[in-house]
Amino acid sequence: MKVLIIEDEVPAAEKLERYLQRYDSSIEVREKLASVASAAQWLQSNQNEIDLIFMDIQLTDGKSFEIFEQVEIKKPIIFITAFDEFAIDAFKVNSIDYLLKPITFEDLSKSLDKLKNFKASLSTQSPDIHHLKDALNQLQQKSYKTRFMVKLGEHIKSITTSITEFFYAEGRNVYLYTSENRKFIIDFKLEELEELLDPSLFYRVNRSYIVNIEAIQDVIVYSNSRLKIIPKLEFDKEIIVSRDKVGPFKEWLSGG
């Protein structure tokens, strides 16, 4: 099987290629592309050379749905994204599955197994309706990380997100701060935590902080149209909502 990967994050594309080789060493990645423009151009001339497309939704120059406005895609597609709000749009085109980041080998294996099982129906341009319902059910059952392992000297402890007030980056370290006013170094980047945490409870307010909604005591207007978060616990650092996050943060805070 020959595959095209459309993904603007190089580590994510390389990870996907490793997983594909692990699933089946005969799978060949024909090309890895990072933008709407390059993908549309490549597909116009080379679509017949591939059997399957892995397509990230948010690319460097726009959303991958724009590719369909420039070229007719007749190959099955597995969409990849960090967000699930595009599910319905994805299934309007040749999507056979919709994977949420961070992708696991198990997720990928299930998608490729489905491709095998639905090979007959995928010979047409419309995916099987039962498969679409199954994929949508999987999205609804999406689970988020609820605990983190931390080290206490020679001991290991499990900290639940229910007692986690916020996560913050300082220097090269990322800390988990608890309702007991304790902080622990964790082996995750904030970008990874954004994908692992329940977005209804946790929000990244700036480059350095992800805040639990239950940890917020007050929000006040700050300088230059920004907002300042007053946590319920005493904390010696300011938590400022960056200017570009103010609108989305208000919507998140109101449950929108």
Protein backbone atom coordinates (compact mmCIF):
# COMPACT_ATOMS: atom_id res chain seq x y z
CA MET A 1 0.00 0.00 0.00
CA LYS A 2 1.24 3.48 -0.91
CA VAL A 3 0.45 6.39 1.39
CA LEU A 4 0.52 10.18 1.25
CA ILE A 5 0.98 12.09 4.53
CA ILE A 6 -0.21 15.70 4.69
CA GLU A 7 1.00 17.02 8.05
CA ASP A 8 2.76 20.30 8.90
CA GLU A 9 4.37 19.06 12.12
CA VAL A 10 7.54 17.17 11.18
CA PRO A 11 7.72 15.07 14.39
CA ALA A 12 4.07 14.05 13.97
CA ALA A 13 4.63 13.06 10.33
CA GLU A 14 7.72 11.02 11.23
CA LYS A 15 5.90 9.33 14.11
CA LEU A 16 3.04 8.39 11.78
CA GLU A 17 5.48 6.94 9.26
CA ARG A 18 7.11 4.83 11.99
CA TYR A 19 3.72 3.52 13.09
CA LEU A 20 2.81 2.65 9.50
CA GLN A 21 6.03 0.67 9.10
CA ARG A 22 5.39 -1.05 12.40
CA TYR A 23 1.88 -2.01 11.29
CA ASP A 24 3.04 -3.30 7.92
CA SER A 25 6.62 -3.01 6.68
CA SER A 26 5.41 -3.14 3.07
CA ILE A 27 3.62 0.22 3.41
CA GLU A 28 5.40 2.91 1.43
CA VAL A 29 5.09 6.61 2.24
CA ARG A 30 5.26 8.22 -1.19
CA GLU A 31 5.44 11.80 0.05
CA LYS A 32 5.09 13.99 3.14
CA LEU A 33 3.59 17.45 2.52
CA ALA A 34 2.97 20.34 4.91
CA SER A 35 0.62 22.82 3.22
CA VAL A 36 -2.67 23.15 1.34
CA ALA A 37 -0.88 24.52 -1.72
CA SER A 38 1.75 21.78 -1.98
CA ALA A 39 -0.81 19.03 -1.32
CA ALA A 40 -3.22 20.29 -3.97
CA GLN A 41 -0.43 20.58 -6.52
CA TRP A 42 0.96 17.12 -5.75
CA LEU A 43 -2.44 15.43 -5.86
CA GLN A 44 -3.31 16.95 -9.23
CA SER A 45 -0.48 15.02 -10.84
CA ASN A 46 0.23 12.06 -8.57
CA GLN A 47 -3.03 10.92 -6.99
CA ASN A 48 -3.07 7.65 -8.94
CA GLU A 49 0.22 6.66 -7.31
CA ILE A 50 -1.28 6.30 -3.83
CA ASP A 51 -3.90 4.16 -2.08
CA LEU A 52 -4.53 6.16 1.10
CA ILE A 53 -4.11 9.70 2.45
CA PHE A 54 -3.41 10.75 6.03
CA MET A 55 -4.43 14.39 6.31
CA ASP A 56 -3.97 16.80 9.20
CA ILE A 57 -6.80 19.34 9.23
CA GLN A 58 -4.88 22.45 10.29
CA LEU A 59 -1.94 23.11 7.98
CA THR A 60 0.58 25.93 7.66
CA ASP A 61 -1.51 27.88 5.12
CA GLY A 62 -5.06 26.95 6.08
CA LYS A 63 -7.38 24.01 6.70
CA SER A 64 -6.96 20.90 4.57
CA PHE A 65 -10.62 21.08 3.49
CA GLU A 66 -9.43 23.82 1.11
CA ILE A 67 -7.55 21.14 -0.85
CA PHE A 68 -10.90 19.71 -1.98
CA GLU A 69 -11.76 23.05 -3.59
CA GLN A 70 -8.72 22.73 -5.86
CA VAL A 71 -8.61 19.05 -6.74
CA GLU A 72 -11.06 16.14 -6.80
CA ILE A 73 -9.78 13.53 -4.37
CA LYS A 74 -10.85 9.97 -5.08
CA LYS A 75 -8.72 8.18 -2.53
CA PRO A 76 -9.79 7.25 1.03
CA ILE A 77 -8.64 9.64 3.75
CA ILE A 78 -7.87 9.29 7.43
CA PHE A 79 -8.03 12.73 9.04
CA ILE A 80 -5.75 13.70 11.92
CA THR A 81 -6.31 16.63 14.27
CA ALA A 82 -6.00 17.84 17.84
CA PHE A 83 -9.65 18.94 17.84
CA ASP A 84 -12.90 17.09 17.29
CA GLU A 85 -15.11 19.95 16.08
CA PHE A 86 -14.29 19.16 12.44
CA ALA A 87 -15.74 15.63 12.51
CA ILE A 88 -18.86 16.40 10.49
CA ASP A 89 -16.90 18.33 7.84
CA ALA A 90 -14.43 15.45 7.58
CA PHE A 91 -17.17 12.95 6.84
CA LYS A 92 -18.54 15.08 4.02
CA VAL A 93 -15.52 14.02 1.96
CA ASN A 94 -13.78 10.66 1.47
CA SER A 95 -13.03 10.14 5.14
CA ILE A 96 -12.88 6.61 6.52
CA ASP A 97 -11.75 7.66 9.97
CA TYR A 98 -10.91 10.63 12.14
CA LEU A 99 -8.04 10.33 14.65
CA LEU A 100 -7.43 12.72 17.51
CA LYS A 101 -3.87 13.66 18.47
CA PRO A 102 -1.79 12.38 20.09
CA ILE A 103 -2.21 9.31 17.89
CA THR A 104 -1.32 5.95 19.38
CA PHE A 105 -0.25 2.86 17.49
CA GLU A 106 -3.47 1.20 18.64
CA ASP A 107 -5.57 4.02 17.13
CA LEU A 108 -3.73 3.76 13.85
CA SER A 109 -4.03 -0.03 13.75
CA LYS A 110 -7.78 0.14 14.25
CA SER A 111 -8.13 2.61 11.38
CA LEU A 112 -6.07 0.49 9.01
CA ASP A 113 -8.01 -2.59 10.05
CA LYS A 114 -11.21 -0.75 9.18
CA LEU A 115 -9.74 0.14 5.80
CA LYS A 116 -9.24 -3.53 5.12
CA ASN A 117 -12.73 -4.43 6.32
CA PHE A 118 -14.40 -1.74 4.26
CA LYS A 119 -12.25 -2.04 1.17
CA ALA A 120 -15.22 -2.95 -1.00
CA SER A 121 -17.27 0.06 0.05
CA LEU A 122 -14.27 2.37 -0.27
CA SER A 123 -14.01 1.58 -3.96
CA THR A 124 -16.74 4.20 -4.42
CA GLN A 125 -16.47 7.84 -3.38
CA SER A 126 -18.91 7.57 -0.47
CA PRO A 127 -17.80 5.95 2.81
CA ASP A 128 -20.00 3.29 4.41
CA ILE A 129 -22.66 4.94 6.60
CA HIS A 130 -22.27 2.34 9.35
CA HIS A 131 -18.56 3.07 9.53
CA LEU A 132 -19.25 6.79 9.88
CA LYS A 133 -21.57 6.17 12.82
CA ASP A 134 -18.95 3.94 14.42
CA ALA A 135 -16.25 6.60 14.01
CA LEU A 136 -18.49 9.31 15.45
CA ASN A 137 -19.22 7.09 18.45
CA GLN A 138 -15.49 6.76 19.01
CA LEU A 139 -15.15 10.54 19.11
CA GLN A 140 -17.93 10.81 21.67
CA GLN A 141 -16.12 8.26 23.82
CA LYS A 142 -12.83 10.18 23.72
CA SER A 143 -11.14 9.92 27.12
CA TYR A 144 -8.68 12.37 28.65
CA LYS A 145 -5.78 11.93 31.02
CA THR A 146 -6.91 11.99 34.65
CA ARG A 147 -3.67 11.33 36.54
CA PHE A 148 0.06 11.97 36.29
CA MET A 149 2.99 10.09 37.78
CA VAL A 150 5.49 12.24 39.70
CA LYS A 151 8.70 11.43 41.59
CA LEU A 152 9.24 12.18 45.27
CA GLY A 153 12.88 11.31 45.84
CA GLU A 154 13.01 7.56 45.28
CA HIS A 155 9.22 7.27 45.41
CA ILE A 156 6.60 7.54 42.69
CA LYS A 157 3.20 9.12 43.33
CA SER A 158 0.04 9.46 41.25
CA ILE A 159 -1.53 12.94 41.14
CA THR A 160 -5.06 13.28 39.78
CA THR A 161 -6.15 16.18 37.61
CA SER A 162 -9.00 16.79 40.06
CA ILE A 163 -6.50 18.26 42.55
CA THR A 164 -4.35 19.93 39.90
CA GLU A 165 -4.77 23.70 39.93
CA PHE A 166 -2.63 24.44 36.90
CA PHE A 167 0.39 23.42 34.86
CA TYR A 168 3.13 25.90 34.09
CA ALA A 169 6.45 26.05 32.28
CA GLU A 170 9.50 27.63 33.84
CA GLY A 171 12.80 27.38 32.05
CA ARG A 172 13.06 23.88 30.61
CA ASN A 173 10.74 22.34 33.18
CA VAL A 174 6.96 21.92 33.27
CA TYR A 175 5.34 21.82 36.70
CA LEU A 176 2.08 20.42 38.00
CA TYR A 177 0.73 22.57 40.86
CA THR A 178 -1.75 20.97 43.25
CA SER A 179 -4.50 22.17 45.60
CA GLU A 180 -2.13 21.26 48.43
CA ASN A 181 0.24 24.05 47.30
CA ARG A 182 2.82 21.56 46.06
CA LYS A 183 4.51 21.49 42.70
CA PHE A 184 6.01 18.57 40.82
CA ILE A 185 8.06 18.36 37.64
CA ILE A 186 6.33 16.28 34.96
CA ASP A 187 7.73 14.86 31.75
CA PHE A 188 5.33 16.59 29.37
CA LYS A 189 5.40 19.74 27.28
CA LEU A 190 2.49 22.17 27.50
CA GLU A 191 1.68 21.41 23.86
CA GLU A 192 1.28 17.74 24.75
CA LEU A 193 -0.82 18.56 27.81
CA GLU A 194 -3.23 20.59 25.69
CA GLU A 195 -4.07 17.42 23.78
CA LEU A 196 -4.21 15.15 26.83
CA LEU A 197 -6.35 17.24 29.18
CA ASP A 198 -10.13 17.66 29.12
CA PRO A 199 -10.67 21.01 27.30
CA SER A 200 -13.85 21.66 29.27
CA LEU A 201 -11.77 21.79 32.49
CA PHE A 202 -8.32 22.99 31.40
CA TYR A 203 -7.38 25.95 29.21
CA ARG A 204 -4.01 27.26 28.06
CA VAL A 205 -4.17 30.96 28.88
CA ASN A 206 -0.71 31.89 27.58
CA ARG A 207 2.58 30.32 26.53
CA SER A 208 3.41 29.28 30.08
CA TYR A 209 0.17 28.31 31.85
CA ILE A 210 -2.68 25.80 31.54
CA VAL A 211 -5.33 26.52 34.18
CA ASN A 212 -8.02 24.35 35.74
CA ILE A 213 -11.37 26.18 35.71
CA GLU A 214 -11.94 25.03 39.31
CA ALA A 215 -8.74 26.82 40.37
CA ILE A 216 -9.98 30.28 39.31
CA GLN A 217 -11.26 32.54 42.07
CA ASP A 218 -11.56 35.72 40.03
CA VAL A 219 -10.69 37.27 36.67
CA ILE A 220 -9.93 40.98 36.45
CA VAL A 221 -9.23 43.36 33.58
CA TYR A 222 -5.51 43.94 33.18
CA SER A 223 -3.41 46.34 31.10
CA ASN A 224 -3.50 46.36 27.29
CA SER A 225 -6.87 44.59 27.08
CA ARG A 226 -5.55 41.48 28.81
CA LEU A 227 -7.01 39.60 31.76
CA LYS A 228 -5.46 38.57 35.05
CA ILE A 229 -6.46 35.33 36.77
CA ILE A 230 -6.67 35.30 40.55
CA PRO A 231 -6.25 31.67 41.70
CA LYS A 232 -8.00 30.31 44.77
CA LEU A 233 -4.63 29.37 46.23
CA GLU A 234 -1.85 31.74 47.14
CA PHE A 235 0.63 31.80 44.29
CA ASP A 236 3.66 34.05 43.92
CA LYS A 237 3.45 34.51 40.16
CA GLU A 238 1.00 36.43 37.99
CA ILE A 239 -1.20 34.44 35.61
CA ILE A 240 -2.08 36.70 32.69
CA VAL A 241 -4.36 35.74 29.81
CA SER A 242 -2.50 36.77 26.67
CA ARG A 243 -4.23 39.28 24.38
CA ASP A 244 -4.92 36.79 21.59
CA LYS A 245 -6.46 34.36 24.10
CA VAL A 246 -8.87 36.79 25.77
CA GLY A 247 -11.83 36.12 23.47
CA PRO A 248 -11.51 32.31 23.41
CA PHE A 249 -10.84 32.30 27.17
CA LYS A 250 -14.09 34.19 27.87
CA GLU A 251 -15.98 31.75 25.68
CA TRP A 252 -14.37 28.79 27.49
CA LEU A 253 -15.12 30.35 30.88
CA SER A 254 -18.79 30.78 29.96
CA GLY A 255 -19.03 27.20 28.72
CA GLY A 256 -19.37 28.21 25.09
